[in-house]
PDB file of N, CA and C in Angstrom:
ATOM      1  N   MET A   1     -50.040  13.151 -69.090  1.00  0.00           N
ATOM      2  CA  MET A   1     -49.710  14.342 -68.365  1.00  0.00           C
ATOM      3  C   MET A   1     -49.030  15.328 -69.313  1.00  0.00           C
ATOM      4  N   GLU A   2     -49.557  16.497 -69.375  1.00  0.00           N
ATOM      5  CA  GLU A   2     -49.008  17.551 -70.218  1.00  0.00           C
ATOM      6  C   GLU A   2     -47.919  18.291 -69.450  1.00  0.00           C
ATOM      7  N   LEU A   3     -46.742  18.417 -70.059  1.00  0.00           N
ATOM      8  CA  LEU A   3     -45.633  19.119 -69.418  1.00  0.00           C
ATOM      9  C   LEU A   3     -45.684  20.605 -69.756  1.00  0.00           C
ATOM     10  N   THR A   4     -45.586  21.446 -68.738  1.00  0.00           N
ATOM     11  CA  THR A   4     -45.493  22.878 -68.974  1.00  0.00           C
ATOM     12  C   THR A   4     -44.012  23.240 -69.102  1.00  0.00           C
ATOM     13  N   ARG A   5     -43.730  24.461 -69.523  1.00  0.00           N
ATOM     14  CA  ARG A   5     -42.332  24.864 -69.677  1.00  0.00           C
ATOM     15  C   ARG A   5     -41.614  24.913 -68.336  1.00  0.00           C
ATOM     16  N   PHE A   6     -42.366  25.092 -67.248  1.00  0.00           N
ATOM     17  CA  PHE A   6     -41.760  25.083 -65.915  1.00  0.00           C
ATOM     18  C   PHE A   6     -41.436  23.665 -65.468  1.00  0.00           C
ATOM     19  N   ASP A   7     -42.167  22.672 -65.988  1.00  0.00           N
ATOM     20  CA  ASP A   7     -41.878  21.276 -65.688  1.00  0.00           C
ATOM     21  C   ASP A   7     -40.694  20.762 -66.506  1.00  0.00           C
ATOM     22  N   ILE A   8     -40.529  21.271 -67.709  1.00  0.00           N
ATOM     23  CA  ILE A   8     -39.482  20.784 -68.606  1.00  0.00           C
ATOM     24  C   ILE A   8     -38.107  21.180 -68.086  1.00  0.00           C
ATOM     25  N   ILE A   9     -37.908  22.470 -67.780  1.00  0.00           N
ATOM     26  CA  ILE A   9     -36.629  22.947 -67.257  1.00  0.00           C
ATOM     27  C   ILE A   9     -36.670  22.845 -65.741  1.00  0.00           C
ATOM     28  N   LYS A  10     -35.891  21.920 -65.176  1.00  0.00           N
ATOM     29  CA  LYS A  10     -35.899  21.756 -63.721  1.00  0.00           C
ATOM     30  C   LYS A  10     -34.993  22.777 -63.044  1.00  0.00           C
ATOM     31  N   CYS A  11     -33.724  22.823 -63.447  1.00  0.00           N
ATOM     32  CA  CYS A  11     -32.788  23.759 -62.826  1.00  0.00           C
ATOM     33  C   CYS A  11     -31.538  23.874 -63.695  1.00  0.00           C
ATOM     34  N   PRO A  12     -30.819  24.988 -63.566  1.00  0.00           N
ATOM     35  CA  PRO A  12     -29.527  25.079 -64.257  1.00  0.00           C
ATOM     36  C   PRO A  12     -28.484  24.260 -63.509  1.00  0.00           C
ATOM     37  N   LEU A  13     -27.560  23.665 -64.250  1.00  0.00           N
ATOM     38  CA  LEU A  13     -26.496  22.880 -63.638  1.00  0.00           C
ATOM     39  C   LEU A  13     -25.229  23.721 -63.587  1.00  0.00           C
ATOM     40  N   ILE A  14     -24.623  23.790 -62.418  1.00  0.00           N
ATOM     41  CA  ILE A  14     -23.411  24.576 -62.238  1.00  0.00           C
ATOM     42  C   ILE A  14     -22.302  23.640 -61.769  1.00  0.00           C
ATOM     43  N   THR A  15     -21.416  23.305 -62.669  1.00  0.00           N
ATOM     44  CA  THR A  15     -20.227  22.526 -62.369  1.00  0.00           C
ATOM     45  C   THR A  15     -19.049  23.219 -63.034  1.00  0.00           C
ATOM     46  N   THR A  16     -17.872  22.709 -62.811  1.00  0.00           N
ATOM     47  CA  THR A  16     -16.692  23.301 -63.434  1.00  0.00           C
ATOM     48  C   THR A  16     -16.798  23.234 -64.953  1.00  0.00           C
ATOM     49  N   LYS A  17     -17.252  22.107 -65.456  1.00  0.00           N
ATOM     50  CA  LYS A  17     -17.351  21.933 -66.905  1.00  0.00           C
ATOM     51  C   LYS A  17     -18.423  22.839 -67.513  1.00  0.00           C
ATOM     52  N   THR A  18     -19.568  22.981 -66.843  1.00  0.00           N
ATOM     53  CA  THR A  18     -20.623  23.823 -67.400  1.00  0.00           C
ATOM     54  C   THR A  18     -20.256  25.302 -67.345  1.00  0.00           C
ATOM     55  N   VAL A  19     -19.491  25.709 -66.327  1.00  0.00           N
ATOM     56  CA  VAL A  19     -19.026  27.094 -66.265  1.00  0.00           C
ATOM     57  C   VAL A  19     -18.042  27.359 -67.399  1.00  0.00           C
ATOM     58  N   ASP A  20     -17.165  26.385 -67.702  1.00  0.00           N
ATOM     59  CA  ASP A  20     -16.245  26.526 -68.833  1.00  0.00           C
ATOM     60  C   ASP A  20     -17.008  26.609 -70.151  1.00  0.00           C
ATOM     61  N   LEU A  21     -18.067  25.802 -70.302  1.00  0.00           N
ATOM     62  CA  LEU A  21     -18.892  25.874 -71.510  1.00  0.00           C
ATOM     63  C   LEU A  21     -19.528  27.252 -71.651  1.00  0.00           C
ATOM     64  N   TYR A  22     -19.975  27.816 -70.541  1.00  0.00           N
ATOM     65  CA  TYR A  22     -20.597  29.138 -70.580  1.00  0.00           C
ATOM     66  C   TYR A  22     -19.579  30.210 -70.947  1.00  0.00           C
ATOM     67  N   LYS A  23     -18.399  30.174 -70.317  1.00  0.00           N
ATOM     68  CA  LYS A  23     -17.397  31.206 -70.557  1.00  0.00           C
ATOM     69  C   LYS A  23     -16.824  31.130 -71.970  1.00  0.00           C
ATOM     70  N   ASN A  24     -16.504  29.932 -72.438  1.00  0.00           N
ATOM     71  CA  ASN A  24     -15.827  29.777 -73.725  1.00  0.00           C
ATOM     72  C   ASN A  24     -16.778  29.772 -74.916  1.00  0.00           C
ATOM     73  N   LEU A  25     -17.936  29.123 -74.786  1.00  0.00           N
ATOM     74  CA  LEU A  25     -18.831  28.942 -75.925  1.00  0.00           C
ATOM     75  C   LEU A  25     -20.191  29.602 -75.754  1.00  0.00           C
ATOM     76  N   GLY A  26     -20.480  30.114 -74.565  1.00  0.00           N
ATOM     77  CA  GLY A  26     -21.773  30.751 -74.332  1.00  0.00           C
ATOM     78  C   GLY A  26     -22.923  29.759 -74.268  1.00  0.00           C
ATOM     79  N   GLN A  27     -22.645  28.526 -73.837  1.00  0.00           N
ATOM     80  CA  GLN A  27     -23.678  27.494 -73.760  1.00  0.00           C
ATOM     81  C   GLN A  27     -24.160  27.358 -72.318  1.00  0.00           C
ATOM     82  N   TYR A  28     -25.442  27.111 -72.176  1.00  0.00           N
ATOM     83  CA  TYR A  28     -26.066  26.950 -70.867  1.00  0.00           C
ATOM     84  C   TYR A  28     -26.478  25.494 -70.696  1.00  0.00           C
ATOM     85  N   THR A  29     -26.330  24.966 -69.488  1.00  0.00           N
ATOM     86  CA  THR A  29     -26.669  23.575 -69.209  1.00  0.00           C
ATOM     87  C   THR A  29     -27.784  23.526 -68.174  1.00  0.00           C
ATOM     88  N   PHE A  30     -28.825  22.747 -68.480  1.00  0.00           N
ATOM     89  CA  PHE A  30     -29.984  22.614 -67.609  1.00  0.00           C
ATOM     90  C   PHE A  30     -30.285  21.144 -67.358  1.00  0.00           C
ATOM     91  N   GLU A  31     -30.825  20.869 -66.177  1.00  0.00           N
ATOM     92  CA  GLU A  31     -31.410  19.561 -65.925  1.00  0.00           C
ATOM     93  C   GLU A  31     -32.849  19.636 -66.414  1.00  0.00           C
ATOM     94  N   VAL A  32     -33.272  18.651 -67.213  1.00  0.00           N
ATOM     95  CA  VAL A  32     -34.601  18.684 -67.799  1.00  0.00           C
ATOM     96  C   VAL A  32     -35.377  17.419 -67.426  1.00  0.00           C
ATOM     97  N   HIS A  33     -36.670  17.459 -67.669  1.00  0.00           N
ATOM     98  CA  HIS A  33     -37.558  16.334 -67.382  1.00  0.00           C
ATOM     99  C   HIS A  33     -37.166  15.141 -68.241  1.00  0.00           C
ATOM    100  N   LEU A  34     -37.333  13.941 -67.715  1.00  0.00           N
ATOM    101  CA  LEU A  34     -36.928  12.734 -68.435  1.00  0.00           C
ATOM    102  C   LEU A  34     -37.710  12.523 -69.730  1.00  0.00           C
ATOM    103  N   ASN A  35     -38.932  13.044 -69.822  1.00  0.00           N
ATOM    104  CA  ASN A  35     -39.738  12.869 -71.034  1.00  0.00           C
ATOM    105  C   ASN A  35     -39.589  14.013 -72.027  1.00  0.00           C
ATOM    106  N   ALA A  36     -38.753  14.996 -71.709  1.00  0.00           N
ATOM    107  CA  ALA A  36     -38.577  16.159 -72.588  1.00  0.00           C
ATOM    108  C   ALA A  36     -37.700  15.786 -73.782  1.00  0.00           C
ATOM    109  N   ASN A  37     -37.996  16.405 -74.937  1.00  0.00           N
ATOM    110  CA  ASN A  37     -37.173  16.223 -76.116  1.00  0.00           C
ATOM    111  C   ASN A  37     -36.642  17.580 -76.578  1.00  0.00           C
ATOM    112  N   LYS A  38     -35.869  17.601 -77.662  1.00  0.00           N
ATOM    113  CA  LYS A  38     -35.217  18.831 -78.104  1.00  0.00           C
ATOM    114  C   LYS A  38     -36.200  19.958 -78.424  1.00  0.00           C
ATOM    115  N   PRO A  39     -37.268  19.702 -79.197  1.00  0.00           N
ATOM    116  CA  PRO A  39     -38.200  20.802 -79.469  1.00  0.00           C
ATOM    117  C   PRO A  39     -38.881  21.344 -78.217  1.00  0.00           C
ATOM    118  N   MET A  40     -39.171  20.486 -77.250  1.00  0.00           N
ATOM    119  CA  MET A  40     -39.780  20.943 -75.998  1.00  0.00           C
ATOM    120  C   MET A  40     -38.825  21.839 -75.226  1.00  0.00           C
ATOM    121  N   VAL A  41     -37.546  21.447 -75.155  1.00  0.00           N
ATOM    122  CA  VAL A  41     -36.548  22.236 -74.430  1.00  0.00           C
ATOM    123  C   VAL A  41     -36.345  23.574 -75.131  1.00  0.00           C
ATOM    124  N   ARG A  42     -36.248  23.562 -76.459  1.00  0.00           N
ATOM    125  CA  ARG A  42     -36.086  24.796 -77.223  1.00  0.00           C
ATOM    126  C   ARG A  42     -37.238  25.760 -76.952  1.00  0.00           C
ATOM    127  N   ASP A  43     -38.451  25.251 -77.014  1.00  0.00           N
ATOM    128  CA  ASP A  43     -39.636  26.078 -76.801  1.00  0.00           C
ATOM    129  C   ASP A  43     -39.670  26.632 -75.369  1.00  0.00           C
ATOM    130  N   ALA A  44     -39.336  25.785 -74.397  1.00  0.00           N
ATOM    131  CA  ALA A  44     -39.365  26.222 -72.996  1.00  0.00           C
ATOM    132  C   ALA A  44     -38.341  27.320 -72.735  1.00  0.00           C
ATOM    133  N   VAL A  45     -37.122  27.169 -73.246  1.00  0.00           N
ATOM    134  CA  VAL A  45     -36.077  28.177 -73.025  1.00  0.00           C
ATOM    135  C   VAL A  45     -36.450  29.481 -73.723  1.00  0.00           C
ATOM    136  N   GLU A  46     -36.958  29.388 -74.950  1.00  0.00           N
ATOM    137  CA  GLU A  46     -37.326  30.602 -75.681  1.00  0.00           C
ATOM    138  C   GLU A  46     -38.448  31.364 -74.992  1.00  0.00           C
ATOM    139  N   LYS A  47     -39.421  30.657 -74.434  1.00  0.00           N
ATOM    140  CA  LYS A  47     -40.541  31.332 -73.793  1.00  0.00           C
ATOM    141  C   LYS A  47     -40.207  31.818 -72.376  1.00  0.00           C
ATOM    142  N   LEU A  48     -39.385  31.075 -71.645  1.00  0.00           N
ATOM    143  CA  LEU A  48     -39.044  31.483 -70.283  1.00  0.00           C
ATOM    144  C   LEU A  48     -38.161  32.725 -70.250  1.00  0.00           C
ATOM    145  N   TRP A  49     -37.167  32.801 -71.140  1.00  0.00           N
ATOM    146  CA  TRP A  49     -36.206  33.902 -71.087  1.00  0.00           C
ATOM    147  C   TRP A  49     -36.272  34.841 -72.290  1.00  0.00           C
ATOM    148  N   ASN A  50     -37.217  34.632 -73.202  1.00  0.00           N
ATOM    149  CA  ASN A  50     -37.408  35.505 -74.358  1.00  0.00           C
ATOM    150  C   ASN A  50     -36.112  35.648 -75.166  1.00  0.00           C
ATOM    151  N   VAL A  51     -35.535  34.508 -75.548  1.00  0.00           N
ATOM    152  CA  VAL A  51     -34.318  34.460 -76.344  1.00  0.00           C
ATOM    153  C   VAL A  51     -34.541  33.560 -77.554  1.00  0.00           C
ATOM    154  N   LYS A  52     -33.600  33.541 -78.475  1.00  0.00           N
ATOM    155  CA  LYS A  52     -33.633  32.638 -79.625  1.00  0.00           C
ATOM    156  C   LYS A  52     -32.586  31.557 -79.417  1.00  0.00           C
ATOM    157  N   VAL A  53     -32.989  30.306 -79.576  1.00  0.00           N
ATOM    158  CA  VAL A  53     -32.099  29.165 -79.381  1.00  0.00           C
ATOM    159  C   VAL A  53     -31.582  28.701 -80.734  1.00  0.00           C
ATOM    160  N   ALA A  54     -30.260  28.539 -80.834  1.00  0.00           N
ATOM    161  CA  ALA A  54     -29.649  28.074 -82.071  1.00  0.00           C
ATOM    162  C   ALA A  54     -29.554  26.552 -82.098  1.00  0.00           C
ATOM    163  N   LYS A  55     -29.218  25.938 -80.967  1.00  0.00           N
ATOM    164  CA  LYS A  55     -28.954  24.506 -80.949  1.00  0.00           C
ATOM    165  C   LYS A  55     -29.247  23.939 -79.566  1.00  0.00           C
ATOM    166  N   VAL A  56     -29.769  22.709 -79.528  1.00  0.00           N
ATOM    167  CA  VAL A  56     -30.016  22.005 -78.274  1.00  0.00           C
ATOM    168  C   VAL A  56     -29.402  20.612 -78.382  1.00  0.00           C
ATOM    169  N   ARG A  57     -28.623  20.250 -77.376  1.00  0.00           N
ATOM    170  CA  ARG A  57     -28.081  18.897 -77.281  1.00  0.00           C
ATOM    171  C   ARG A  57     -28.604  18.264 -76.004  1.00  0.00           C
ATOM    172  N   ILE A  58     -29.013  17.004 -76.094  1.00  0.00           N
ATOM    173  CA  ILE A  58     -29.579  16.277 -74.957  1.00  0.00           C
ATOM    174  C   ILE A  58     -28.630  15.148 -74.563  1.00  0.00           C
ATOM    175  N   ILE A  59     -28.431  14.977 -73.261  1.00  0.00           N
ATOM    176  CA  ILE A  59     -27.591  13.911 -72.732  1.00  0.00           C
ATOM    177  C   ILE A  59     -28.428  13.103 -71.744  1.00  0.00           C
ATOM    178  N   ASN A  60     -28.544  11.797 -71.980  1.00  0.00           N
ATOM    179  CA  ASN A  60     -29.239  10.904 -71.060  1.00  0.00           C
ATOM    180  C   ASN A  60     -28.209  10.193 -70.196  1.00  0.00           C
ATOM    181  N   LEU A  61     -28.352  10.326 -68.888  1.00  0.00           N
ATOM    182  CA  LEU A  61     -27.451   9.660 -67.955  1.00  0.00           C
ATOM    183  C   LEU A  61     -28.239   8.645 -67.140  1.00  0.00           C
ATOM    184  N   GLY A  62     -27.849   7.397 -67.242  1.00  0.00           N
ATOM    185  CA  GLY A  62     -28.492   6.363 -66.451  1.00  0.00           C
ATOM    186  C   GLY A  62     -28.036   6.431 -65.008  1.00  0.00           C
ATOM    187  N   GLY A  63     -28.900   5.996 -64.110  1.00  0.00           N
ATOM    188  CA  GLY A  63     -28.555   6.007 -62.696  1.00  0.00           C
ATOM    189  C   GLY A  63     -27.455   5.009 -62.382  1.00  0.00           C
ATOM    190  N   LYS A  64     -26.630   5.348 -61.415  1.00  0.00           N
ATOM    191  CA  LYS A  64     -25.524   4.482 -61.033  1.00  0.00           C
ATOM    192  C   LYS A  64     -26.022   3.328 -60.160  1.00  0.00           C
ATOM    193  N   LEU A  65     -25.337   2.198 -60.250  1.00  0.00           N
ATOM    194  CA  LEU A  65     -25.634   1.078 -59.369  1.00  0.00           C
ATOM    195  C   LEU A  65     -24.893   1.294 -58.059  1.00  0.00           C
ATOM    196  N   LYS A  66     -25.627   1.276 -56.976  1.00  0.00           N
ATOM    197  CA  LYS A  66     -25.064   1.530 -55.655  1.00  0.00           C
ATOM    198  C   LYS A  66     -25.542   0.432 -54.706  1.00  0.00           C
ATOM    199  N   SER A  67     -25.018   0.467 -53.489  1.00  0.00           N
ATOM    200  CA  SER A  67     -25.502  -0.478 -52.491  1.00  0.00           C
ATOM    201  C   SER A  67     -25.609   0.218 -51.140  1.00  0.00           C
ATOM    202  N   PHE A  68     -26.582  -0.228 -50.375  1.00  0.00           N
ATOM    203  CA  PHE A  68     -26.813   0.288 -49.037  1.00  0.00           C
ATOM    204  C   PHE A  68     -27.154  -0.904 -48.164  1.00  0.00           C
ATOM    205  N   ASN A  69     -26.385  -1.106 -47.095  1.00  0.00           N
ATOM    206  CA  ASN A  69     -26.560  -2.279 -46.230  1.00  0.00           C
ATOM    207  C   ASN A  69     -26.501  -3.573 -47.032  1.00  0.00           C
ATOM    208  N   LYS A  70     -25.554  -3.635 -47.947  1.00  0.00           N
ATOM    209  CA  LYS A  70     -25.329  -4.806 -48.804  1.00  0.00           C
ATOM    210  C   LYS A  70     -26.506  -5.111 -49.722  1.00  0.00           C
ATOM    211  N   ARG A  71     -27.387  -4.143 -49.913  1.00  0.00           N
ATOM    212  CA  ARG A  71     -28.512  -4.324 -50.839  1.00  0.00           C
ATOM    213  C   ARG A  71     -28.300  -3.400 -52.025  1.00  0.00           C
ATOM    214  N   PRO A  72     -28.180  -3.959 -53.208  1.00  0.00           N
ATOM    215  CA  PRO A  72     -27.952  -3.106 -54.383  1.00  0.00           C
ATOM    216  C   PRO A  72     -29.234  -2.380 -54.801  1.00  0.00           C
ATOM    217  N   TYR A  73     -29.042  -1.182 -55.321  1.00  0.00           N
ATOM    218  CA  TYR A  73     -30.154  -0.431 -55.893  1.00  0.00           C
ATOM    219  C   TYR A  73     -29.596   0.462 -56.989  1.00  0.00           C
ATOM    220  N   LYS A  74     -30.488   0.988 -57.797  1.00  0.00           N
ATOM    221  CA  LYS A  74     -30.099   1.851 -58.905  1.00  0.00           C
ATOM    222  C   LYS A  74     -30.505   3.279 -58.578  1.00  0.00           C
ATOM    223  N   GLY A  75     -29.559   4.210 -58.730  1.00  0.00           N
ATOM    224  CA  GLY A  75     -29.857   5.617 -58.500  1.00  0.00           C
ATOM    225  C   GLY A  75     -30.771   6.160 -59.590  1.00  0.00           C
ATOM    226  N   SER A  76     -31.287   7.347 -59.397  1.00  0.00           N
ATOM    227  CA  SER A  76     -32.228   7.917 -60.351  1.00  0.00           C
ATOM    228  C   SER A  76     -31.523   8.368 -61.627  1.00  0.00           C
ATOM    229  N   ASP A  77     -32.248   8.276 -62.741  1.00  0.00           N
ATOM    230  CA  ASP A  77     -31.744   8.712 -64.032  1.00  0.00           C
ATOM    231  C   ASP A  77     -31.753  10.236 -64.104  1.00  0.00           C
ATOM    232  N   LEU A  78     -30.973  10.787 -65.038  1.00  0.00           N
ATOM    233  CA  LEU A  78     -30.853  12.229 -65.191  1.00  0.00           C
ATOM    234  C   LEU A  78     -30.787  12.554 -66.676  1.00  0.00           C
ATOM    235  N   LYS A  79     -31.422  13.633 -67.056  1.00  0.00           N
ATOM    236  CA  LYS A  79     -31.349  14.108 -68.435  1.00  0.00           C
ATOM    237  C   LYS A  79     -30.896  15.558 -68.407  1.00  0.00           C
ATOM    238  N   LYS A  80     -29.836  15.862 -69.196  1.00  0.00           N
ATOM    239  CA  LYS A  80     -29.298  17.209 -69.263  1.00  0.00           C
ATOM    240  C   LYS A  80     -29.488  17.752 -70.670  1.00  0.00           C
ATOM    241  N   ALA A  81     -29.633  19.064 -70.764  1.00  0.00           N
ATOM    242  CA  ALA A  81     -29.724  19.738 -72.052  1.00  0.00           C
ATOM    243  C   ALA A  81     -28.682  20.843 -72.087  1.00  0.00           C
ATOM    244  N   ILE A  82     -27.882  20.859 -73.154  1.00  0.00           N
ATOM    245  CA  ILE A  82     -26.915  21.930 -73.373  1.00  0.00           C
ATOM    246  C   ILE A  82     -27.488  22.815 -74.475  1.00  0.00           C
ATOM    247  N   VAL A  83     -27.752  24.079 -74.129  1.00  0.00           N
ATOM    248  CA  VAL A  83     -28.454  24.997 -75.023  1.00  0.00           C
ATOM    249  C   VAL A  83     -27.484  26.064 -75.522  1.00  0.00           C
ATOM    250  N   THR A  84     -27.419  26.232 -76.841  1.00  0.00           N
ATOM    251  CA  THR A  84     -26.634  27.289 -77.462  1.00  0.00           C
ATOM    252  C   THR A  84     -27.594  28.339 -77.985  1.00  0.00           C
ATOM    253  N   LEU A  85     -27.363  29.594 -77.624  1.00  0.00           N
ATOM    254  CA  LEU A  85     -28.236  30.682 -78.049  1.00  0.00           C
ATOM    255  C   LEU A  85     -27.699  31.333 -79.323  1.00  0.00           C
ATOM    256  N   VAL A  86     -28.585  32.003 -80.045  1.00  0.00           N
ATOM    257  CA  VAL A  86     -28.191  32.784 -81.208  1.00  0.00           C
ATOM    258  C   VAL A  86     -27.304  33.930 -80.726  1.00  0.00           C
ATOM    259  N   HIS A  87     -26.300  34.279 -81.526  1.00  0.00           N
ATOM    260  CA  HIS A  87     -25.341  35.319 -81.147  1.00  0.00           C
ATOM    261  C   HIS A  87     -26.063  36.624 -80.810  1.00  0.00           C
ATOM    262  N   GLY A  88     -25.731  37.182 -79.656  1.00  0.00           N
ATOM    263  CA  GLY A  88     -26.340  38.434 -79.217  1.00  0.00           C
ATOM    264  C   GLY A  88     -27.361  38.256 -78.113  1.00  0.00           C
ATOM    265  N   TYR A  89     -27.817  37.049 -77.869  1.00  0.00           N
ATOM    266  CA  TYR A  89     -28.765  36.782 -76.799  1.00  0.00           C
ATOM    267  C   TYR A  89     -28.035  36.248 -75.576  1.00  0.00           C
ATOM    268  N   LYS A  90     -28.612  36.515 -74.412  1.00  0.00           N
ATOM    269  CA  LYS A  90     -28.004  36.082 -73.159  1.00  0.00           C
ATOM    270  C   LYS A  90     -29.108  35.808 -72.146  1.00  0.00           C
ATOM    271  N   ILE A  91     -28.921  34.788 -71.331  1.00  0.00           N
ATOM    272  CA  ILE A  91     -29.872  34.456 -70.276  1.00  0.00           C
ATOM    273  C   ILE A  91     -29.343  35.032 -68.969  1.00  0.00           C
ATOM    274  N   GLU A  92     -30.170  35.802 -68.304  1.00  0.00           N
ATOM    275  CA  GLU A  92     -29.798  36.382 -67.012  1.00  0.00           C
ATOM    276  C   GLU A  92     -30.456  35.558 -65.906  1.00  0.00           C
ATOM    277  N   ILE A  93     -29.655  34.776 -65.213  1.00  0.00           N
ATOM    278  CA  ILE A  93     -30.133  33.998 -64.072  1.00  0.00           C
ATOM    279  C   ILE A  93     -29.398  34.545 -62.852  1.00  0.00           C
ATOM    280  N   PRO A  94     -30.109  35.163 -61.908  1.00  0.00           N
ATOM    281  CA  PRO A  94     -29.446  35.796 -60.757  1.00  0.00           C
ATOM    282  C   PRO A  94     -28.619  34.796 -59.957  1.00  0.00           C
ATOM    283  N   GLY A  95     -27.362  35.160 -59.713  1.00  0.00           N
ATOM    284  CA  GLY A  95     -26.492  34.340 -58.887  1.00  0.00           C
ATOM    285  C   GLY A  95     -25.897  33.141 -59.573  1.00  0.00           C
ATOM    286  N   LEU A  96     -26.149  32.954 -60.879  1.00  0.00           N
ATOM    287  CA  LEU A  96     -25.700  31.739 -61.541  1.00  0.00           C
ATOM    288  C   LEU A  96     -24.190  31.714 -61.721  1.00  0.00           C
ATOM    289  N   PHE A  97     -23.635  32.721 -62.343  1.00  0.00           N
ATOM    290  CA  PHE A  97     -22.201  32.712 -62.624  1.00  0.00           C
ATOM    291  C   PHE A  97     -21.479  33.855 -61.920  1.00  0.00           C
ATOM    292  N   GLU A  98     -22.127  34.505 -60.970  1.00  0.00           N
ATOM    293  CA  GLU A  98     -21.500  35.623 -60.274  1.00  0.00           C
ATOM    294  C   GLU A  98     -20.350  35.160 -59.390  1.00  0.00           C
ATOM    295  N   ALA A  99     -20.483  34.014 -58.773  1.00  0.00           N
ATOM    296  CA  ALA A  99     -19.434  33.514 -57.890  1.00  0.00           C
ATOM    297  C   ALA A  99     -18.170  33.216 -58.682  1.00  0.00           C
ATOM    298  N   THR A 100     -18.313  32.693 -59.891  1.00  0.00           N
ATOM    299  CA  THR A 100     -17.129  32.375 -60.682  1.00  0.00           C
ATOM    300  C   THR A 100     -16.444  33.635 -61.175  1.00  0.00           C
ATOM    301  N   THR A 101     -17.210  34.679 -61.513  1.00  0.00           N
ATOM    302  CA  THR A 101     -16.581  35.923 -61.957  1.00  0.00           C
ATOM    303  C   THR A 101     -15.878  36.605 -60.796  1.00  0.00           C
ATOM    304  N   LEU A 102     -16.410  36.477 -59.578  1.00  0.00           N
ATOM    305  CA  LEU A 102     -15.737  37.050 -58.414  1.00  0.00           C
ATOM    306  C   LEU A 102     -14.419  36.343 -58.147  1.00  0.00           C
ATOM    307  N   GLN A 103     -14.391  35.015 -58.308  1.00  0.00           N
ATOM    308  CA  GLN A 103     -13.162  34.263 -58.117  1.00  0.00           C
ATOM    309  C   GLN A 103     -12.133  34.670 -59.165  1.00  0.00           C
ATOM    310  N   THR A 104     -12.561  34.846 -60.405  1.00  0.00           N
ATOM    311  CA  THR A 104     -11.657  35.230 -61.476  1.00  0.00           C
ATOM    312  C   THR A 104     -11.077  36.611 -61.211  1.00  0.00           C
ATOM    313  N   GLN A 105     -11.913  37.541 -60.732  1.00  0.00           N
ATOM    314  CA  GLN A 105     -11.431  38.885 -60.431  1.00  0.00           C
ATOM    315  C   GLN A 105     -10.431  38.868 -59.276  1.00  0.00           C
ATOM    316  N   SER A 106     -10.690  38.079 -58.250  1.00  0.00           N
ATOM    317  CA  SER A 106      -9.764  38.017 -57.119  1.00  0.00           C
ATOM    318  C   SER A 106      -8.441  37.380 -57.539  1.00  0.00           C
ATOM    319  N   GLN A 107      -8.487  36.387 -58.426  1.00  0.00           N
ATOM    320  CA  GLN A 107      -7.262  35.784 -58.925  1.00  0.00           C
ATOM    321  C   GLN A 107      -6.469  36.788 -59.743  1.00  0.00           C
ATOM    322  N   ALA A 108      -7.147  37.604 -60.542  1.00  0.00           N
ATOM    323  CA  ALA A 108      -6.470  38.619 -61.344  1.00  0.00           C
ATOM    324  C   ALA A 108      -5.813  39.660 -60.443  1.00  0.00           C
ATOM    325  N   GLN A 109      -6.475  40.021 -59.340  1.00  0.00           N
ATOM    326  CA  GLN A 109      -5.895  40.975 -58.411  1.00  0.00           C
ATOM    327  C   GLN A 109      -4.650  40.409 -57.734  1.00  0.00           C
ATOM    328  N   GLN A 110      -4.690  39.122 -57.388  1.00  0.00           N
ATOM    329  CA  GLN A 110      -3.535  38.480 -56.761  1.00  0.00           C
ATOM    330  C   GLN A 110      -2.349  38.451 -57.709  1.00  0.00           C
ATOM    331  N   VAL A 111      -2.602  38.173 -58.976  1.00  0.00           N
ATOM    332  CA  VAL A 111      -1.527  38.144 -59.964  1.00  0.00           C
ATOM    333  C   VAL A 111      -0.942  39.542 -60.144  1.00  0.00           C
ATOM    334  N   ALA A 112      -1.827  40.559 -60.164  1.00  0.00           N
ATOM    335  CA  ALA A 112      -1.367  41.936 -60.325  1.00  0.00           C
ATOM    336  C   ALA A 112      -0.526  42.391 -59.124  1.00  0.00           C
ATOM    337  N   GLU A 113      -0.881  41.918 -57.928  1.00  0.00           N
ATOM    338  CA  GLU A 113      -0.143  42.287 -56.730  1.00  0.00           C
ATOM    339  C   GLU A 113       1.134  41.495 -56.558  1.00  0.00           C
ATOM    340  N   GLY A 114       1.248  40.402 -57.300  1.00  0.00           N
ATOM    341  CA  GLY A 114       2.464  39.581 -57.215  1.00  0.00           C
ATOM    342  C   GLY A 114       2.410  38.516 -56.160  1.00  0.00           C
ATOM    343  N   ASN A 115       1.205  38.152 -55.666  1.00  0.00           N
ATOM    344  CA  ASN A 115       1.071  37.105 -54.643  1.00  0.00           C
ATOM    345  C   ASN A 115       1.011  35.754 -55.255  1.00  0.00           C
TER     346      ASN A 115
END
């Protein structure tokens, strides 16, 4: 099965840690296909958003062991990619980090008002 660039990048991951990576280092975190490797992820990101990628890091997470009705099973595996872009490039994903910037602005207003 040939993977297309739409199959390789599944979705962006938004957690507290990934938002901190974006704000401090400008790195983006994506969930990727289990068979994807670094060159595939680099190519997919460059073609999807027309940017230059400086570095790609891949993290393989094994599924957790869980139980349901006293029957153990293994959760699904996950592969994440942390992508660093060349300085000056930016990925625009609608709604990705807007909520966090709104929270930061409201916190700044509260501090300014003395609340």
